[in-house]
Amino acid sequence: MSDESAETEAPGHLSDAERALVDRYWRRNVRLMAGLLAIWAAVSLGCGVLFADVLNAWRIGGFPLGFWFAQQGSIIVFVLLILVYALAMTRLDRAHHEELAALDSSPNAAGAALEGEHR
């Protein structure tokens, strides 16, 4: 960090390029959570309550499918969604850390980070 930039940046202050990367990271995180919660709501409310009568035409292990979704299916889907979230966040975190490292090591990366903000 040069003396000139040290005077203008307070400790903990993010540059515009870093702020763009952090904002993009959080938008992706929130979009992922919203999508997974929508799937969970559709399975737990939709399959377990709203469409139970239609699903009860099929049976799993002797139990109507609507009952199965209400009692077991939504819990199993929830656990699977936790796994999907963990794997997706691992990938997102890795990509975010690589982008930050590239930003720190390359003076031209700041422009690329700001361009990525508009995608």
N, C-alpha and C. Protein backbone atom coordinates (compact mmCIF):
# COMPACT_ATOMS: atom_id res chain seq x y z
N MET A 1 0.85 -1.16 0.00
CA MET A 1 0.00 0.00 0.00
C MET A 1 0.90 1.23 0.00
N SER A 2 0.65 2.17 -0.86
CA SER A 2 1.48 3.37 -0.93
C SER A 2 1.10 4.33 0.18
N ASP A 3 1.99 5.30 0.44
CA ASP A 3 1.72 6.28 1.49
C ASP A 3 0.48 7.09 1.19
N GLU A 4 0.29 7.40 -0.10
CA GLU A 4 -0.86 8.20 -0.50
C GLU A 4 -2.18 7.47 -0.23
N SER A 5 -2.25 6.19 -0.58
CA SER A 5 -3.49 5.44 -0.36
C SER A 5 -3.68 5.14 1.12
N ALA A 6 -2.59 5.04 1.88
CA ALA A 6 -2.70 4.80 3.32
C ALA A 6 -3.36 5.99 4.01
N GLU A 7 -3.14 7.18 3.49
CA GLU A 7 -3.73 8.36 4.09
C GLU A 7 -5.22 8.45 3.79
N THR A 8 -5.66 7.97 2.63
CA THR A 8 -7.06 8.12 2.24
C THR A 8 -7.94 6.97 2.70
N GLU A 9 -7.36 5.81 2.99
CA GLU A 9 -8.16 4.65 3.40
C GLU A 9 -8.03 4.40 4.89
N ALA A 10 -9.16 4.34 5.55
CA ALA A 10 -9.17 4.01 6.97
C ALA A 10 -9.03 2.50 7.12
N PRO A 11 -8.54 2.03 8.26
CA PRO A 11 -8.45 0.58 8.47
C PRO A 11 -9.83 -0.06 8.34
N GLY A 12 -9.88 -1.16 7.62
CA GLY A 12 -11.14 -1.86 7.42
C GLY A 12 -11.98 -1.31 6.28
N HIS A 13 -11.53 -0.24 5.67
CA HIS A 13 -12.27 0.35 4.54
C HIS A 13 -12.01 -0.47 3.28
N LEU A 14 -13.08 -0.72 2.53
CA LEU A 14 -12.95 -1.49 1.30
C LEU A 14 -12.88 -0.56 0.11
N SER A 15 -12.07 -0.93 -0.85
CA SER A 15 -12.03 -0.17 -2.09
C SER A 15 -13.32 -0.45 -2.87
N ASP A 16 -13.55 0.33 -3.93
CA ASP A 16 -14.75 0.13 -4.74
C ASP A 16 -14.76 -1.28 -5.35
N ALA A 17 -13.61 -1.76 -5.78
CA ALA A 17 -13.54 -3.09 -6.39
C ALA A 17 -13.83 -4.18 -5.36
N GLU A 18 -13.27 -4.01 -4.15
CA GLU A 18 -13.54 -4.99 -3.09
C GLU A 18 -15.00 -4.96 -2.67
N ARG A 19 -15.57 -3.76 -2.57
CA ARG A 19 -16.99 -3.63 -2.21
C ARG A 19 -17.86 -4.31 -3.27
N ALA A 20 -17.50 -4.15 -4.56
CA ALA A 20 -18.26 -4.78 -5.64
C ALA A 20 -18.22 -6.31 -5.51
N LEU A 21 -17.04 -6.85 -5.18
CA LEU A 21 -16.92 -8.30 -5.00
C LEU A 21 -17.74 -8.79 -3.81
N VAL A 22 -17.70 -8.06 -2.70
CA VAL A 22 -18.44 -8.45 -1.51
C VAL A 22 -19.95 -8.37 -1.77
N ASP A 23 -20.38 -7.30 -2.44
CA ASP A 23 -21.81 -7.16 -2.76
C ASP A 23 -22.29 -8.30 -3.67
N ARG A 24 -21.49 -8.64 -4.67
CA ARG A 24 -21.85 -9.73 -5.58
C ARG A 24 -21.91 -11.06 -4.83
N TYR A 25 -20.95 -11.27 -3.93
CA TYR A 25 -20.94 -12.49 -3.11
C TYR A 25 -22.24 -12.62 -2.31
N TRP A 26 -22.65 -11.53 -1.64
CA TRP A 26 -23.85 -11.60 -0.82
C TRP A 26 -25.12 -11.72 -1.64
N ARG A 27 -25.16 -11.10 -2.81
CA ARG A 27 -26.32 -11.28 -3.68
C ARG A 27 -26.46 -12.73 -4.10
N ARG A 28 -25.35 -13.36 -4.45
CA ARG A 28 -25.39 -14.78 -4.83
C ARG A 28 -25.81 -15.65 -3.65
N ASN A 29 -25.32 -15.34 -2.45
CA ASN A 29 -25.67 -16.09 -1.25
C ASN A 29 -27.16 -15.98 -0.97
N VAL A 30 -27.70 -14.78 -1.02
CA VAL A 30 -29.12 -14.57 -0.74
C VAL A 30 -29.99 -15.24 -1.80
N ARG A 31 -29.56 -15.17 -3.07
CA ARG A 31 -30.31 -15.82 -4.15
C ARG A 31 -30.34 -17.33 -3.94
N LEU A 32 -29.21 -17.91 -3.53
CA LEU A 32 -29.14 -19.35 -3.25
C LEU A 32 -30.07 -19.72 -2.10
N MET A 33 -30.01 -18.94 -1.00
CA MET A 33 -30.88 -19.24 0.15
C MET A 33 -32.35 -19.11 -0.22
N ALA A 34 -32.70 -18.09 -0.98
CA ALA A 34 -34.10 -17.90 -1.37
C ALA A 34 -34.59 -19.06 -2.23
N GLY A 35 -33.77 -19.51 -3.16
CA GLY A 35 -34.15 -20.63 -4.00
C GLY A 35 -34.33 -21.91 -3.21
N LEU A 36 -33.41 -22.18 -2.29
CA LEU A 36 -33.52 -23.40 -1.49
C LEU A 36 -34.71 -23.34 -0.53
N LEU A 37 -34.97 -22.17 0.03
CA LEU A 37 -36.14 -22.04 0.90
C LEU A 37 -37.44 -22.18 0.12
N ALA A 38 -37.46 -21.71 -1.11
CA ALA A 38 -38.65 -21.89 -1.96
C ALA A 38 -38.90 -23.37 -2.24
N ILE A 39 -37.83 -24.11 -2.51
CA ILE A 39 -37.96 -25.56 -2.73
C ILE A 39 -38.49 -26.22 -1.47
N TRP A 40 -37.93 -25.86 -0.32
CA TRP A 40 -38.36 -26.46 0.94
C TRP A 40 -39.83 -26.15 1.22
N ALA A 41 -40.24 -24.89 0.97
CA ALA A 41 -41.64 -24.51 1.20
C ALA A 41 -42.56 -25.28 0.26
N ALA A 42 -42.15 -25.43 -0.99
CA ALA A 42 -42.98 -26.16 -1.95
C ALA A 42 -43.14 -27.62 -1.54
N VAL A 43 -42.06 -28.22 -1.06
CA VAL A 43 -42.13 -29.62 -0.67
C VAL A 43 -42.91 -29.79 0.63
N SER A 44 -42.59 -28.98 1.64
CA SER A 44 -43.24 -29.18 2.94
C SER A 44 -44.70 -28.73 2.94
N LEU A 45 -45.00 -27.57 2.40
CA LEU A 45 -46.37 -27.08 2.37
C LEU A 45 -47.14 -27.68 1.19
N GLY A 46 -46.51 -27.61 0.01
CA GLY A 46 -47.20 -28.10 -1.19
C GLY A 46 -47.48 -29.58 -1.16
N CYS A 47 -46.45 -30.37 -1.00
CA CYS A 47 -46.63 -31.83 -1.05
C CYS A 47 -47.27 -32.38 0.22
N GLY A 48 -46.95 -31.77 1.37
CA GLY A 48 -47.46 -32.30 2.63
C GLY A 48 -48.86 -31.84 2.98
N VAL A 49 -49.31 -30.70 2.43
CA VAL A 49 -50.61 -30.17 2.82
C VAL A 49 -51.51 -29.92 1.60
N LEU A 50 -51.06 -29.05 0.70
CA LEU A 50 -51.93 -28.62 -0.40
C LEU A 50 -52.24 -29.72 -1.41
N PHE A 51 -51.25 -30.53 -1.75
CA PHE A 51 -51.44 -31.58 -2.75
C PHE A 51 -51.53 -32.96 -2.14
N ALA A 52 -51.77 -33.03 -0.83
CA ALA A 52 -51.80 -34.32 -0.14
C ALA A 52 -52.86 -35.25 -0.71
N ASP A 53 -54.03 -34.72 -1.00
CA ASP A 53 -55.11 -35.57 -1.52
C ASP A 53 -54.73 -36.19 -2.86
N VAL A 54 -54.10 -35.41 -3.72
CA VAL A 54 -53.67 -35.93 -5.03
C VAL A 54 -52.56 -36.95 -4.86
N LEU A 55 -51.60 -36.65 -3.97
CA LEU A 55 -50.48 -37.57 -3.75
C LEU A 55 -50.89 -38.85 -3.03
N ASN A 56 -51.99 -38.82 -2.31
CA ASN A 56 -52.43 -40.00 -1.57
C ASN A 56 -52.88 -41.14 -2.48
N ALA A 57 -52.96 -40.88 -3.79
CA ALA A 57 -53.29 -41.95 -4.74
C ALA A 57 -52.14 -42.96 -4.83
N TRP A 58 -50.92 -42.55 -4.47
CA TRP A 58 -49.77 -43.45 -4.48
C TRP A 58 -49.39 -43.79 -3.06
N ARG A 59 -48.72 -44.94 -2.90
CA ARG A 59 -48.32 -45.40 -1.58
C ARG A 59 -46.84 -45.72 -1.57
N ILE A 60 -46.20 -45.43 -0.43
CA ILE A 60 -44.80 -45.80 -0.19
C ILE A 60 -44.77 -46.55 1.13
N GLY A 61 -44.33 -47.79 1.08
CA GLY A 61 -44.26 -48.61 2.30
C GLY A 61 -45.60 -48.77 2.98
N GLY A 62 -46.67 -48.76 2.22
CA GLY A 62 -47.99 -48.94 2.78
C GLY A 62 -48.66 -47.66 3.24
N PHE A 63 -47.95 -46.54 3.18
CA PHE A 63 -48.51 -45.26 3.62
C PHE A 63 -48.80 -44.38 2.41
N PRO A 64 -49.85 -43.57 2.47
CA PRO A 64 -50.15 -42.65 1.37
C PRO A 64 -49.01 -41.66 1.18
N LEU A 65 -48.72 -41.33 -0.06
CA LEU A 65 -47.59 -40.46 -0.37
C LEU A 65 -47.74 -39.08 0.27
N GLY A 66 -48.94 -38.52 0.32
CA GLY A 66 -49.16 -37.23 0.97
C GLY A 66 -48.81 -37.28 2.44
N PHE A 67 -49.21 -38.35 3.11
CA PHE A 67 -48.86 -38.54 4.52
C PHE A 67 -47.35 -38.69 4.67
N TRP A 68 -46.73 -39.44 3.77
CA TRP A 68 -45.29 -39.66 3.83
C TRP A 68 -44.54 -38.34 3.70
N PHE A 69 -44.96 -37.48 2.74
CA PHE A 69 -44.30 -36.18 2.59
C PHE A 69 -44.49 -35.33 3.84
N ALA A 70 -45.67 -35.34 4.41
CA ALA A 70 -45.94 -34.53 5.60
C ALA A 70 -45.10 -34.99 6.79
N GLN A 71 -44.88 -36.30 6.91
CA GLN A 71 -44.18 -36.83 8.08
C GLN A 71 -42.68 -36.99 7.88
N GLN A 72 -42.27 -37.43 6.71
CA GLN A 72 -40.85 -37.75 6.49
C GLN A 72 -40.22 -36.98 5.34
N GLY A 73 -40.96 -36.83 4.28
CA GLY A 73 -40.38 -36.28 3.05
C GLY A 73 -39.84 -34.88 3.20
N SER A 74 -40.57 -33.99 3.88
CA SER A 74 -40.09 -32.62 4.01
C SER A 74 -38.82 -32.55 4.87
N ILE A 75 -38.72 -33.44 5.85
CA ILE A 75 -37.51 -33.47 6.69
C ILE A 75 -36.32 -33.97 5.87
N ILE A 76 -36.53 -35.01 5.09
CA ILE A 76 -35.45 -35.54 4.25
C ILE A 76 -35.02 -34.51 3.22
N VAL A 77 -35.99 -33.84 2.59
CA VAL A 77 -35.65 -32.80 1.62
C VAL A 77 -34.90 -31.66 2.31
N PHE A 78 -35.30 -31.29 3.52
CA PHE A 78 -34.61 -30.24 4.25
C PHE A 78 -33.15 -30.61 4.50
N VAL A 79 -32.89 -31.83 4.93
CA VAL A 79 -31.52 -32.27 5.16
C VAL A 79 -30.72 -32.26 3.85
N LEU A 80 -31.34 -32.70 2.76
CA LEU A 80 -30.66 -32.67 1.46
C LEU A 80 -30.38 -31.23 1.02
N LEU A 81 -31.29 -30.32 1.30
CA LEU A 81 -31.07 -28.91 0.95
C LEU A 81 -29.94 -28.30 1.77
N ILE A 82 -29.78 -28.74 3.02
CA ILE A 82 -28.65 -28.29 3.83
C ILE A 82 -27.35 -28.74 3.18
N LEU A 83 -27.31 -29.98 2.71
CA LEU A 83 -26.13 -30.50 2.02
C LEU A 83 -25.86 -29.70 0.75
N VAL A 84 -26.88 -29.44 -0.04
CA VAL A 84 -26.72 -28.65 -1.26
C VAL A 84 -26.20 -27.26 -0.92
N TYR A 85 -26.75 -26.63 0.12
CA TYR A 85 -26.31 -25.30 0.53
C TYR A 85 -24.84 -25.32 0.94
N ALA A 86 -24.44 -26.31 1.73
CA ALA A 86 -23.05 -26.40 2.18
C ALA A 86 -22.10 -26.55 1.00
N LEU A 87 -22.45 -27.42 0.05
CA LEU A 87 -21.59 -27.62 -1.12
C LEU A 87 -21.54 -26.37 -1.99
N ALA A 88 -22.69 -25.74 -2.20
CA ALA A 88 -22.73 -24.54 -3.04
C ALA A 88 -21.97 -23.39 -2.38
N MET A 89 -22.08 -23.25 -1.06
CA MET A 89 -21.36 -22.18 -0.38
C MET A 89 -19.86 -22.43 -0.35
N THR A 90 -19.46 -23.68 -0.28
CA THR A 90 -18.03 -23.99 -0.36
C THR A 90 -17.48 -23.53 -1.70
N ARG A 91 -18.22 -23.83 -2.77
CA ARG A 91 -17.80 -23.41 -4.10
C ARG A 91 -17.83 -21.89 -4.23
N LEU A 92 -18.87 -21.25 -3.71
CA LEU A 92 -18.97 -19.79 -3.79
C LEU A 92 -17.87 -19.12 -2.97
N ASP A 93 -17.60 -19.63 -1.77
CA ASP A 93 -16.53 -19.08 -0.94
C ASP A 93 -15.17 -19.20 -1.62
N ARG A 94 -14.92 -20.35 -2.21
CA ARG A 94 -13.65 -20.57 -2.91
C ARG A 94 -13.48 -19.57 -4.05
N ALA A 95 -14.53 -19.41 -4.85
CA ALA A 95 -14.47 -18.46 -5.96
C ALA A 95 -14.28 -17.03 -5.46
N HIS A 96 -14.97 -16.68 -4.37
CA HIS A 96 -14.85 -15.33 -3.81
C HIS A 96 -13.43 -15.07 -3.32
N HIS A 97 -12.83 -16.03 -2.62
CA HIS A 97 -11.47 -15.85 -2.12
C HIS A 97 -10.46 -15.76 -3.27
N GLU A 98 -10.71 -16.52 -4.34
CA GLU A 98 -9.83 -16.42 -5.51
C GLU A 98 -9.95 -15.05 -6.17
N GLU A 99 -11.17 -14.52 -6.26
CA GLU A 99 -11.36 -13.18 -6.83
C GLU A 99 -10.67 -12.12 -5.98
N LEU A 100 -10.79 -12.23 -4.66
CA LEU A 100 -10.12 -11.27 -3.78
C LEU A 100 -8.60 -11.37 -3.90
N ALA A 101 -8.08 -12.59 -4.00
CA ALA A 101 -6.64 -12.77 -4.15
C ALA A 101 -6.17 -12.19 -5.47
N ALA A 102 -6.94 -12.40 -6.53
CA ALA A 102 -6.58 -11.84 -7.83
C ALA A 102 -6.63 -10.32 -7.79
N LEU A 103 -7.57 -9.76 -7.06
CA LEU A 103 -7.69 -8.31 -6.93
C LEU A 103 -6.48 -7.74 -6.21
N ASP A 104 -6.02 -8.44 -5.17
CA ASP A 104 -4.86 -7.98 -4.41
C ASP A 104 -3.57 -8.08 -5.21
N SER A 105 -3.50 -9.06 -6.11
CA SER A 105 -2.24 -9.29 -6.82
C SER A 105 -2.15 -8.57 -8.16
N SER A 106 -3.27 -8.08 -8.69
CA SER A 106 -3.26 -7.48 -10.02
C SER A 106 -3.88 -6.09 -9.98
N PRO A 107 -3.14 -5.09 -10.47
CA PRO A 107 -3.71 -3.74 -10.49
C PRO A 107 -4.87 -3.60 -11.49
N ASN A 108 -4.91 -4.44 -12.53
CA ASN A 108 -5.98 -4.37 -13.53
C ASN A 108 -7.22 -5.13 -13.09
N ALA A 109 -7.14 -5.88 -12.01
CA ALA A 109 -8.28 -6.68 -11.56
C ALA A 109 -9.40 -5.81 -11.00
N ALA A 110 -9.07 -4.60 -10.56
CA ALA A 110 -10.10 -3.72 -10.00
C ALA A 110 -11.16 -3.41 -11.05
N GLY A 111 -10.75 -3.13 -12.25
CA GLY A 111 -11.71 -2.85 -13.32
C GLY A 111 -12.53 -4.07 -13.67
N ALA A 112 -11.91 -5.23 -13.66
CA ALA A 112 -12.64 -6.47 -13.97
C ALA A 112 -13.67 -6.76 -12.89
N ALA A 113 -13.34 -6.49 -11.63
CA ALA A 113 -14.28 -6.72 -10.54
C ALA A 113 -15.48 -5.79 -10.66
N LEU A 114 -15.23 -4.55 -11.02
CA LEU A 114 -16.33 -3.60 -11.17
C LEU A 114 -17.19 -3.97 -12.38
N GLU A 115 -16.57 -4.49 -13.45
CA GLU A 115 -17.35 -4.94 -14.61
C GLU A 115 -18.23 -6.11 -14.23
N GLY A 116 -17.73 -7.03 -13.41
CA GLY A 116 -18.49 -8.19 -12.98
C GLY A 116 -19.70 -7.78 -12.15
N GLU A 117 -19.65 -6.61 -11.55
CA GLU A 117 -20.77 -6.09 -10.76
C GLU A 117 -22.00 -5.87 -11.64
N HIS A 118 -21.81 -5.58 -12.90
CA HIS A 118 -22.92 -5.26 -13.80
C HIS A 118 -23.51 -6.48 -14.48
N ARG A 119 -23.03 -7.68 -14.16
CA ARG A 119 -23.57 -8.91 -14.78
C ARG A 119 -24.84 -9.32 -14.15
